[in-house]
Protein backbone atom coordinates (compact mmCIF):
# COMPACT_ATOMS: atom_id res chain seq x y z
CA UNK A 1 5.15 -15.14 9.28
CA UNK A 2 3.49 -16.91 6.35
CA UNK A 3 0.06 -16.07 7.80
CA UNK A 4 1.09 -12.41 8.17
CA UNK A 5 2.15 -12.31 4.52
CA UNK A 6 -1.16 -13.84 3.44
CA UNK A 7 -3.17 -11.30 5.48
CA UNK A 8 -1.06 -8.49 4.02
CA UNK A 9 -1.71 -9.80 0.50
CA UNK A 10 -5.48 -10.14 0.91
CA UNK A 11 -5.92 -6.79 2.65
CA UNK A 12 -3.92 -5.11 -0.10
CA UNK A 13 -5.96 -6.72 -2.85
CA UNK A 14 -9.30 -6.09 -1.16
CA UNK A 15 -8.72 -2.40 -0.47
CA UNK A 16 -6.62 -1.64 -3.59
CA UNK A 17 -9.49 -0.25 -5.72
CA UNK A 18 -10.60 2.24 -3.05
CA UNK A 19 -7.03 3.14 -2.13
CA UNK A 20 -6.29 3.89 -5.78
CA UNK A 21 -9.44 5.99 -6.02
CA UNK A 22 -8.62 7.97 -2.87
CA UNK A 23 -5.04 8.46 -4.05
CA UNK A 24 -6.02 9.70 -7.51
CA UNK A 25 -8.85 11.87 -6.18
CA UNK A 26 -6.44 13.31 -3.63
CA UNK A 27 -4.21 14.36 -6.54
CA UNK A 28 -7.01 16.19 -8.35
CA UNK A 29 -8.11 17.86 -5.11
CA UNK A 30 -4.54 18.94 -4.35
CA UNK A 31 -4.35 20.74 -7.69
CA UNK A 32 -7.93 22.05 -7.47
CA UNK A 33 -9.07 20.27 -10.63
CA UNK A 34 -12.30 19.21 -8.91
CA UNK A 35 -13.44 22.85 -9.00
CA UNK A 36 -13.35 22.96 -12.80
CA UNK A 37 -14.70 19.55 -13.80
CA UNK A 38 -18.27 18.70 -12.71
CA UNK A 39 -17.65 14.93 -12.58
CA UNK A 40 -14.58 15.38 -10.38
CA UNK A 41 -16.51 17.78 -8.15
CA UNK A 42 -19.25 15.17 -7.70
CA UNK A 43 -16.74 12.40 -6.98
CA UNK A 44 -15.05 14.66 -4.42
CA UNK A 45 -18.20 14.63 -2.28
CA UNK A 46 -17.07 11.19 -1.08
CA UNK A 47 -14.18 12.86 0.76
CA UNK A 48 -15.98 15.92 2.02
CA UNK A 49 -19.23 14.35 3.22
CA UNK A 50 -21.18 17.29 1.87
CA UNK A 51 -23.68 17.76 -0.90
CA UNK A 52 -23.45 19.87 -4.02
CA UNK A 53 -26.02 22.58 -4.73
CA UNK A 54 -28.43 20.09 -6.30
CA UNK A 55 -28.21 17.84 -3.26
CA UNK A 56 -25.95 15.34 -5.01
CA UNK A 57 -23.55 13.53 -2.69
CA UNK A 58 -21.90 10.16 -3.05
CA UNK A 59 -21.13 9.93 0.65
CA UNK A 60 -23.17 7.81 3.05
CA UNK A 61 -22.84 6.41 6.58
CA UNK A 62 -22.23 2.94 5.12
CA UNK A 63 -19.46 4.26 2.87
CA UNK A 64 -17.97 6.13 5.84
CA UNK A 65 -17.84 2.85 7.78
CA UNK A 66 -16.17 1.17 4.81
CA UNK A 67 -13.60 3.98 4.63
CA UNK A 68 -12.83 3.54 8.33
CA UNK A 69 -12.39 -0.21 7.73
CA UNK A 70 -10.19 0.59 4.73
CA UNK A 71 -8.07 2.94 6.86
CA UNK A 72 -7.63 0.31 9.56
CA UNK A 73 -6.81 -2.28 6.89
CA UNK A 74 -4.29 0.07 5.31
CA UNK A 75 -2.64 0.75 8.66
CA UNK A 76 -2.42 -2.97 9.36
CA UNK A 77 -1.10 -3.63 5.87
CA UNK A 78 1.55 -0.91 6.21
CA UNK A 79 2.67 -2.24 9.58
CA UNK A 80 2.85 -5.83 8.30
CA UNK A 81 4.74 -4.58 5.25
CA UNK A 82 7.28 -2.87 7.51
CA UNK A 83 7.60 -5.99 9.65
CA UNK A 84 8.24 -8.06 6.52
CA UNK A 85 10.72 -5.49 5.18
CA UNK A 86 12.79 -5.69 8.34
CA UNK A 87 12.39 -9.46 8.70
CA UNK A 88 13.08 -10.52 5.10
CA UNK A 89 14.71 -7.50 3.46
CA UNK A 90 17.95 -5.73 3.89
CA UNK A 91 17.43 -4.27 7.34
CA UNK A 92 19.82 -1.37 6.94
CA UNK A 93 18.37 -0.35 3.56
CA UNK A 94 14.81 -0.68 4.92
CA UNK A 95 15.76 1.51 7.89
CA UNK A 96 17.34 4.16 5.64
CA UNK A 97 14.28 4.15 3.38
CA UNK A 98 11.95 4.52 6.35
CA UNK A 99 14.04 7.34 7.79
CA UNK A 100 14.14 9.12 4.42
CA UNK A 101 10.35 8.77 4.14
CA UNK A 102 10.06 10.60 7.45
CA UNK A 103 12.82 13.19 7.11
CA UNK A 104 12.34 14.35 3.49
CA UNK A 105 8.67 15.42 3.89
CA UNK A 106 9.51 17.11 7.20
CA UNK A 107 12.31 19.05 5.53
CA UNK A 108 9.94 20.09 2.73
CA UNK A 109 7.39 21.28 5.26
CA UNK A 110 9.99 23.23 7.21
CA UNK A 111 11.55 24.70 4.04
CA UNK A 112 8.26 25.93 2.59
CA UNK A 113 6.20 26.67 5.72
CA UNK A 114 4.95 30.20 5.89
C-alpha cells in the first residue's frame, strides 16, 4: 500500500500543472470567455485541436500524446485515491461521498435537461 501511495503522490505532482490548466481553461470555455479574450481563445486551441484564422494553434501530436498520458495518469491516480480512501479512511463516509458525487450531478442533469 505504501508503494501505491507513493505512485499516487508522484502522478499527482507530475500532472498537477496540466490538470490545473485544463480545469481553469474548462471554466473559461464553459462560460464562453474564450470568445471575448484573444489570449484565452489562443490557449483554447489546445483543447480543440484546431487553428485560429491566422493559423495559430498550440496543439500538436506530441501534446496530444502527453494529454492521453495525463488522462491515464489521472484515472490511475483517482482509482488509487479511492482505494486509499476506502482502505485508510472512514469507509462509510467515503462511500456516501462517492455516492453523492454520482447522484447529485445526475439529478442536476435530469432536473435541467431539455
